[in-house]
Amino acid sequence: MPQRKGLNKHQKAAHRPGEKKVSRAEVADLLELSTSDNAEDRLTAASLLCPCHVAAGCPRSGMPCIA
């Protein structure tokens, strides 16, 4: 079976100029924000904690941090 080359639309979006990457220092703050009572805060945290935005692995597991 031939391998497919290239990126899917989500991977392409993550590499566009201006796309925000989350540093290891910001992950703890976003995890706290993900448990907020405010739905807007939770939505922001969820969108920034997806694996394509997290620049480094989770300090505990080395895997991408997700909420």
C-alpha atoms as a PDB file:
ATOM      1  CA  MET A   1       0.000   0.000   0.000  1.00  0.00           C
ATOM      2  CA  PRO A   2       1.547   3.355  -0.987  1.00  0.00           C
ATOM      3  CA  GLN A   3       2.085   5.918   1.738  1.00  0.00           C
ATOM      4  CA  ARG A   4       0.243   9.193   1.474  1.00  0.00           C
ATOM      5  CA  LYS A   5       2.349  12.294   1.544  1.00  0.00           C
ATOM      6  CA  GLY A   6       1.390  15.664   2.904  1.00  0.00           C
ATOM      7  CA  LEU A   7      -0.641  17.016   5.764  1.00  0.00           C
ATOM      8  CA  ASN A   8      -4.361  16.959   6.473  1.00  0.00           C
ATOM      9  CA  LYS A   9      -6.306  20.214   6.845  1.00  0.00           C
ATOM     10  CA  HIS A  10      -5.885  20.299  10.636  1.00  0.00           C
ATOM     11  CA  GLN A  11      -2.126  19.803  10.426  1.00  0.00           C
ATOM     12  CA  LYS A  12      -1.863  22.494   7.761  1.00  0.00           C
ATOM     13  CA  ALA A  13      -3.841  24.917   9.937  1.00  0.00           C
ATOM     14  CA  ALA A  14      -1.508  24.279  12.885  1.00  0.00           C
ATOM     15  CA  HIS A  15       1.525  25.293  10.826  1.00  0.00           C
ATOM     16  CA  ARG A  16       0.121  28.479   9.305  1.00  0.00           C
ATOM     17  CA  PRO A  17       1.903  31.710  10.199  1.00  0.00           C
ATOM     18  CA  GLY A  18       0.299  33.344  13.198  1.00  0.00           C
ATOM     19  CA  GLU A  19      -1.026  30.086  14.637  1.00  0.00           C
ATOM     20  CA  LYS A  20      -0.558  30.163  18.426  1.00  0.00           C
ATOM     21  CA  LYS A  21       1.570  27.443  19.987  1.00  0.00           C
ATOM     22  CA  VAL A  22       1.238  26.685  23.679  1.00  0.00           C
ATOM     23  CA  SER A  23       4.452  26.412  25.693  1.00  0.00           C
ATOM     24  CA  ARG A  24       5.019  23.981  28.528  1.00  0.00           C
ATOM     25  CA  ALA A  25       4.659  26.820  31.049  1.00  0.00           C
ATOM     26  CA  GLU A  26       1.184  27.712  29.739  1.00  0.00           C
ATOM     27  CA  VAL A  27      -0.195  24.153  29.891  1.00  0.00           C
ATOM     28  CA  ALA A  28      -0.784  24.233  33.669  1.00  0.00           C
ATOM     29  CA  ASP A  29      -2.675  27.526  33.383  1.00  0.00           C
ATOM     30  CA  LEU A  30      -4.813  26.178  30.539  1.00  0.00           C
ATOM     31  CA  LEU A  31      -5.583  22.989  32.474  1.00  0.00           C
ATOM     32  CA  GLU A  32      -6.824  25.140  35.348  1.00  0.00           C
ATOM     33  CA  LEU A  33      -8.819  27.273  32.902  1.00  0.00           C
ATOM     34  CA  SER A  34     -10.429  24.111  31.485  1.00  0.00           C
ATOM     35  CA  THR A  35     -12.240  23.541  34.797  1.00  0.00           C
ATOM     36  CA  SER A  36     -13.633  27.083  34.970  1.00  0.00           C
ATOM     37  CA  ASP A  37     -17.344  27.724  35.473  1.00  0.00           C
ATOM     38  CA  ASN A  38     -17.272  30.071  32.463  1.00  0.00           C
ATOM     39  CA  ALA A  39     -17.994  28.257  29.187  1.00  0.00           C
ATOM     40  CA  GLU A  40     -15.916  30.739  27.163  1.00  0.00           C
ATOM     41  CA  ASP A  41     -12.869  29.972  29.311  1.00  0.00           C
ATOM     42  CA  ARG A  42     -13.352  26.223  28.857  1.00  0.00           C
ATOM     43  CA  LEU A  43     -13.733  26.624  25.099  1.00  0.00           C
ATOM     44  CA  THR A  44     -10.540  28.679  24.885  1.00  0.00           C
ATOM     45  CA  ALA A  45      -8.638  26.113  26.941  1.00  0.00           C
ATOM     46  CA  ALA A  46      -9.943  23.203  24.879  1.00  0.00           C
ATOM     47  CA  SER A  47      -9.011  24.818  21.587  1.00  0.00           C
ATOM     48  CA  LEU A  48      -5.481  25.638  22.788  1.00  0.00           C
ATOM     49  CA  LEU A  49      -4.879  22.255  24.435  1.00  0.00           C
ATOM     50  CA  CYS A  50      -5.378  20.221  21.283  1.00  0.00           C
ATOM     51  CA  PRO A  51      -2.186  18.303  20.366  1.00  0.00           C
ATOM     52  CA  CYS A  52      -1.501  20.415  17.283  1.00  0.00           C
ATOM     53  CA  HIS A  53      -1.164  23.560  19.438  1.00  0.00           C
ATOM     54  CA  VAL A  54       0.852  22.089  22.309  1.00  0.00           C
ATOM     55  CA  ALA A  55       4.513  22.677  21.468  1.00  0.00           C
ATOM     56  CA  ALA A  56       5.947  20.334  24.120  1.00  0.00           C
ATOM     57  CA  GLY A  57       4.813  17.158  25.812  1.00  0.00           C
ATOM     58  CA  CYS A  58       3.197  17.007  29.188  1.00  0.00           C
ATOM     59  CA  PRO A  59       5.872  17.013  31.927  1.00  0.00           C
ATOM     60  CA  ARG A  60       4.289  14.011  33.653  1.00  0.00           C
ATOM     61  CA  SER A  61       3.953  11.663  30.700  1.00  0.00           C
ATOM     62  CA  GLY A  62       5.841  13.160  27.768  1.00  0.00           C
ATOM     63  CA  MET A  63       2.664  12.841  25.699  1.00  0.00           C
ATOM     64  CA  PRO A  64       0.770  15.829  24.303  1.00  0.00           C
ATOM     65  CA  CYS A  65      -1.374  17.356  27.039  1.00  0.00           C
ATOM     66  CA  ILE A  66      -5.116  17.316  26.434  1.00  0.00           C
ATOM     67  CA  ALA A  67      -7.947  18.300  28.727  1.00  0.00           C
END
